[in-house]
C-alpha cells in the first residue's frame, strides 16, 4: 500500500516536471514567433514608407520597382 502511494507520488512529480518542460519549450517558441512577427511588421512599415517616398519623388522608378517585384505585368522586349 505504501509502495503504491509512493509510486503515484513519483509519477505525479514526473508528470509535473514534464508539463513544466513542455510549457517552457512552447513559451520560447511563442516568444520567438511574436518577435519574428514584430520584426516583419517593422520591415514592412519601413519598406512601405521608402516606397511611398520613391513614388512621390520619382513615379517611373516606383513603377519599375512594382513591375520587378510584383511580376503582374508582362514585360515586352
N, C-alpha and C. Protein backbone atom coordinates (compact mmCIF):
# COMPACT_ATOMS: atom_id res chain seq x y z
N UNK A 1 0.82 -1.20 0.00
CA UNK A 1 0.00 0.00 0.00
C UNK A 1 0.86 1.26 0.00
N UNK A 2 1.88 1.27 0.87
CA UNK A 2 2.77 2.43 0.94
C UNK A 2 3.56 2.59 -0.36
N UNK A 3 3.92 1.43 -0.94
CA UNK A 3 4.67 1.46 -2.20
C UNK A 3 3.81 2.08 -3.30
N UNK A 4 2.54 1.76 -3.37
CA UNK A 4 1.64 2.30 -4.38
C UNK A 4 1.48 3.81 -4.21
N UNK A 5 1.39 4.27 -2.99
CA UNK A 5 1.27 5.71 -2.73
C UNK A 5 2.52 6.44 -3.18
N UNK A 6 3.70 5.87 -2.89
CA UNK A 6 4.95 6.50 -3.32
C UNK A 6 5.08 6.49 -4.85
N UNK A 7 4.63 5.43 -5.51
CA UNK A 7 4.71 5.37 -6.97
C UNK A 7 3.77 6.41 -7.60
N UNK A 8 2.58 6.55 -7.04
CA UNK A 8 1.66 7.57 -7.55
C UNK A 8 2.26 8.96 -7.36
N UNK A 9 2.87 9.21 -6.21
CA UNK A 9 3.54 10.49 -5.97
C UNK A 9 4.69 10.72 -6.92
N UNK A 10 5.47 9.66 -7.19
CA UNK A 10 6.60 9.77 -8.11
C UNK A 10 6.11 10.09 -9.53
N UNK A 11 5.07 9.39 -9.97
CA UNK A 11 4.54 9.67 -11.31
C UNK A 11 3.92 11.06 -11.39
N UNK A 12 3.31 11.51 -10.32
CA UNK A 12 2.75 12.87 -10.31
C UNK A 12 3.86 13.90 -10.42
N UNK A 13 4.96 13.68 -9.68
CA UNK A 13 6.09 14.61 -9.76
C UNK A 13 6.72 14.61 -11.16
N UNK A 14 6.88 13.42 -11.74
CA UNK A 14 7.43 13.34 -13.10
C UNK A 14 6.49 14.01 -14.11
N UNK A 15 5.18 13.83 -13.93
CA UNK A 15 4.22 14.49 -14.81
C UNK A 15 4.28 16.00 -14.71
N UNK A 16 4.39 16.51 -13.50
CA UNK A 16 4.51 17.97 -13.31
C UNK A 16 5.80 18.49 -13.94
N UNK A 17 6.88 17.73 -13.80
CA UNK A 17 8.15 18.13 -14.41
C UNK A 17 8.02 18.16 -15.93
N UNK A 18 7.38 17.11 -16.50
CA UNK A 18 7.22 17.05 -17.96
C UNK A 18 6.34 18.19 -18.46
N UNK A 19 5.24 18.46 -17.76
CA UNK A 19 4.36 19.55 -18.17
C UNK A 19 5.08 20.89 -18.09
N UNK A 20 5.87 21.08 -17.06
CA UNK A 20 6.65 22.31 -16.93
C UNK A 20 7.65 22.48 -18.07
N UNK A 21 8.32 21.39 -18.44
CA UNK A 21 9.28 21.47 -19.55
C UNK A 21 8.57 21.77 -20.87
N UNK A 22 7.41 21.16 -21.09
CA UNK A 22 6.68 21.41 -22.34
C UNK A 22 6.25 22.87 -22.42
N UNK A 23 5.72 23.42 -21.33
CA UNK A 23 5.29 24.81 -21.37
C UNK A 23 6.47 25.77 -21.49
N UNK A 24 7.61 25.42 -20.93
CA UNK A 24 8.80 26.27 -21.13
C UNK A 24 9.22 26.26 -22.59
N UNK A 25 9.17 25.09 -23.22
CA UNK A 25 9.55 24.98 -24.62
C UNK A 25 8.57 25.75 -25.50
N UNK A 26 7.25 25.55 -25.28
CA UNK A 26 6.26 26.26 -26.08
C UNK A 26 6.29 27.76 -25.81
N UNK A 27 6.59 28.14 -24.59
CA UNK A 27 6.70 29.56 -24.28
C UNK A 27 7.82 30.22 -25.08
N UNK A 28 8.95 29.53 -25.21
CA UNK A 28 10.05 30.05 -26.02
C UNK A 28 9.69 30.14 -27.48
N UNK A 29 8.99 29.13 -27.98
CA UNK A 29 8.59 29.13 -29.39
C UNK A 29 7.58 30.25 -29.65
N UNK A 30 6.64 30.43 -28.75
CA UNK A 30 5.65 31.50 -28.92
C UNK A 30 6.33 32.86 -28.84
N UNK A 31 7.27 33.02 -27.93
CA UNK A 31 8.02 34.27 -27.83
C UNK A 31 8.81 34.55 -29.09
N UNK A 32 9.46 33.53 -29.64
CA UNK A 32 10.21 33.69 -30.88
C UNK A 32 9.29 34.06 -32.03
N UNK A 33 8.12 33.46 -32.08
CA UNK A 33 7.15 33.78 -33.14
C UNK A 33 6.71 35.24 -33.06
N UNK A 34 6.38 35.71 -31.86
CA UNK A 34 5.96 37.11 -31.72
C UNK A 34 7.10 38.06 -32.07
N UNK A 35 8.33 37.69 -31.72
CA UNK A 35 9.48 38.53 -32.05
C UNK A 35 9.64 38.61 -33.57
N UNK A 36 9.52 37.48 -34.26
CA UNK A 36 9.63 37.48 -35.73
C UNK A 36 8.51 38.28 -36.38
N UNK A 37 7.30 38.19 -35.84
CA UNK A 37 6.19 38.98 -36.38
C UNK A 37 6.46 40.47 -36.18
N UNK A 38 7.01 40.84 -35.04
CA UNK A 38 7.32 42.25 -34.78
C UNK A 38 8.39 42.75 -35.75
N UNK A 39 9.41 41.95 -36.00
CA UNK A 39 10.47 42.35 -36.94
C UNK A 39 9.90 42.47 -38.35
N UNK A 40 9.06 41.52 -38.76
CA UNK A 40 8.46 41.57 -40.09
C UNK A 40 7.57 42.80 -40.25
N UNK A 41 6.84 43.14 -39.20
CA UNK A 41 5.99 44.32 -39.25
C UNK A 41 6.82 45.60 -39.39
N UNK A 42 7.92 45.69 -38.66
CA UNK A 42 8.80 46.86 -38.76
C UNK A 42 9.39 46.97 -40.16
N UNK A 43 9.84 45.84 -40.73
CA UNK A 43 10.41 45.86 -42.08
C UNK A 43 9.34 46.27 -43.09
N UNK A 44 8.12 45.79 -42.92
CA UNK A 44 7.02 46.15 -43.82
C UNK A 44 6.72 47.64 -43.75
N UNK A 45 6.69 48.19 -42.56
CA UNK A 45 6.40 49.62 -42.41
C UNK A 45 7.52 50.46 -43.02
N UNK A 46 8.77 50.11 -42.74
CA UNK A 46 9.90 50.87 -43.29
C UNK A 46 9.92 50.77 -44.81
N UNK A 47 9.67 49.57 -45.36
CA UNK A 47 9.63 49.39 -46.81
C UNK A 47 8.50 50.19 -47.44
N UNK A 48 7.35 50.21 -46.78
CA UNK A 48 6.23 50.99 -47.31
C UNK A 48 6.51 52.48 -47.32
N UNK A 49 7.14 52.97 -46.26
CA UNK A 49 7.49 54.40 -46.20
C UNK A 49 8.51 54.74 -47.29
N UNK A 50 9.51 53.87 -47.47
CA UNK A 50 10.51 54.12 -48.51
C UNK A 50 9.88 54.09 -49.90
N UNK A 51 8.99 53.11 -50.14
CA UNK A 51 8.32 53.03 -51.43
C UNK A 51 7.45 54.26 -51.67
N UNK A 52 6.76 54.71 -50.64
CA UNK A 52 5.94 55.91 -50.76
C UNK A 52 6.80 57.12 -51.12
N UNK A 53 7.97 57.22 -50.49
CA UNK A 53 8.89 58.31 -50.81
C UNK A 53 9.37 58.24 -52.25
N UNK A 54 9.72 57.04 -52.72
CA UNK A 54 10.16 56.89 -54.11
C UNK A 54 9.01 57.20 -55.06
N UNK A 55 7.80 56.79 -54.67
CA UNK A 55 6.65 57.04 -55.53
C UNK A 55 6.34 58.52 -55.66
N UNK A 56 6.55 59.28 -54.60
CA UNK A 56 6.31 60.72 -54.65
C UNK A 56 7.41 61.42 -55.45
N UNK A 57 8.66 61.03 -55.21
CA UNK A 57 9.80 61.70 -55.84
C UNK A 57 9.95 61.30 -57.31
N UNK A 58 9.82 60.00 -57.60
CA UNK A 58 10.05 59.53 -58.96
C UNK A 58 9.06 58.42 -59.31
N UNK A 59 7.91 58.78 -59.85
CA UNK A 59 6.90 57.76 -60.20
C UNK A 59 7.37 56.69 -61.20
N UNK A 60 8.19 57.03 -62.21
CA UNK A 60 8.65 55.96 -63.11
C UNK A 60 9.51 54.92 -62.40
N UNK A 61 10.34 55.36 -61.48
CA UNK A 61 11.15 54.41 -60.72
C UNK A 61 10.25 53.52 -59.86
N UNK A 62 9.22 54.08 -59.27
CA UNK A 62 8.28 53.29 -58.48
C UNK A 62 7.56 52.27 -59.35
N UNK A 63 7.22 52.64 -60.58
CA UNK A 63 6.56 51.71 -61.50
C UNK A 63 7.50 50.57 -61.86
N UNK A 64 8.78 50.88 -62.08
CA UNK A 64 9.76 49.82 -62.38
C UNK A 64 9.92 48.88 -61.19
N UNK A 65 9.97 49.44 -59.98
CA UNK A 65 10.08 48.60 -58.78
C UNK A 65 8.85 47.71 -58.63
N UNK A 66 7.67 48.27 -58.86
CA UNK A 66 6.44 47.50 -58.76
C UNK A 66 6.43 46.38 -59.79
N UNK A 67 6.85 46.67 -61.02
CA UNK A 67 6.90 45.64 -62.06
C UNK A 67 7.92 44.56 -61.73
N UNK A 68 9.04 44.96 -61.18
CA UNK A 68 10.10 44.00 -60.87
C UNK A 68 9.69 43.05 -59.75
N UNK A 69 9.07 43.56 -58.70
CA UNK A 69 8.78 42.73 -57.53
C UNK A 69 7.41 42.08 -57.58
N UNK A 70 6.45 42.66 -58.26
CA UNK A 70 5.11 42.05 -58.27
C UNK A 70 5.00 40.99 -59.37
N UNK A 71 5.62 41.26 -60.52
CA UNK A 71 5.57 40.29 -61.61
C UNK A 71 4.19 40.17 -62.24
N UNK A 72 3.35 41.18 -62.06
CA UNK A 72 1.99 41.10 -62.58
C UNK A 72 1.90 41.53 -64.04
N UNK A 73 2.80 42.38 -64.47
CA UNK A 73 2.77 42.85 -65.86
C UNK A 73 3.73 42.03 -66.70
N UNK A 74 3.37 41.89 -67.98
CA UNK A 74 4.22 41.15 -68.92
C UNK A 74 5.20 42.13 -69.54
N UNK A 75 6.48 41.79 -69.45
CA UNK A 75 7.50 42.69 -70.00
C UNK A 75 7.65 42.41 -71.49
N UNK A 76 7.75 43.47 -72.28
CA UNK A 76 7.93 43.34 -73.71
C UNK A 76 9.33 43.85 -74.05
N UNK A 77 10.01 43.05 -74.86
CA UNK A 77 11.39 43.43 -75.23
C UNK A 77 11.45 43.93 -76.64
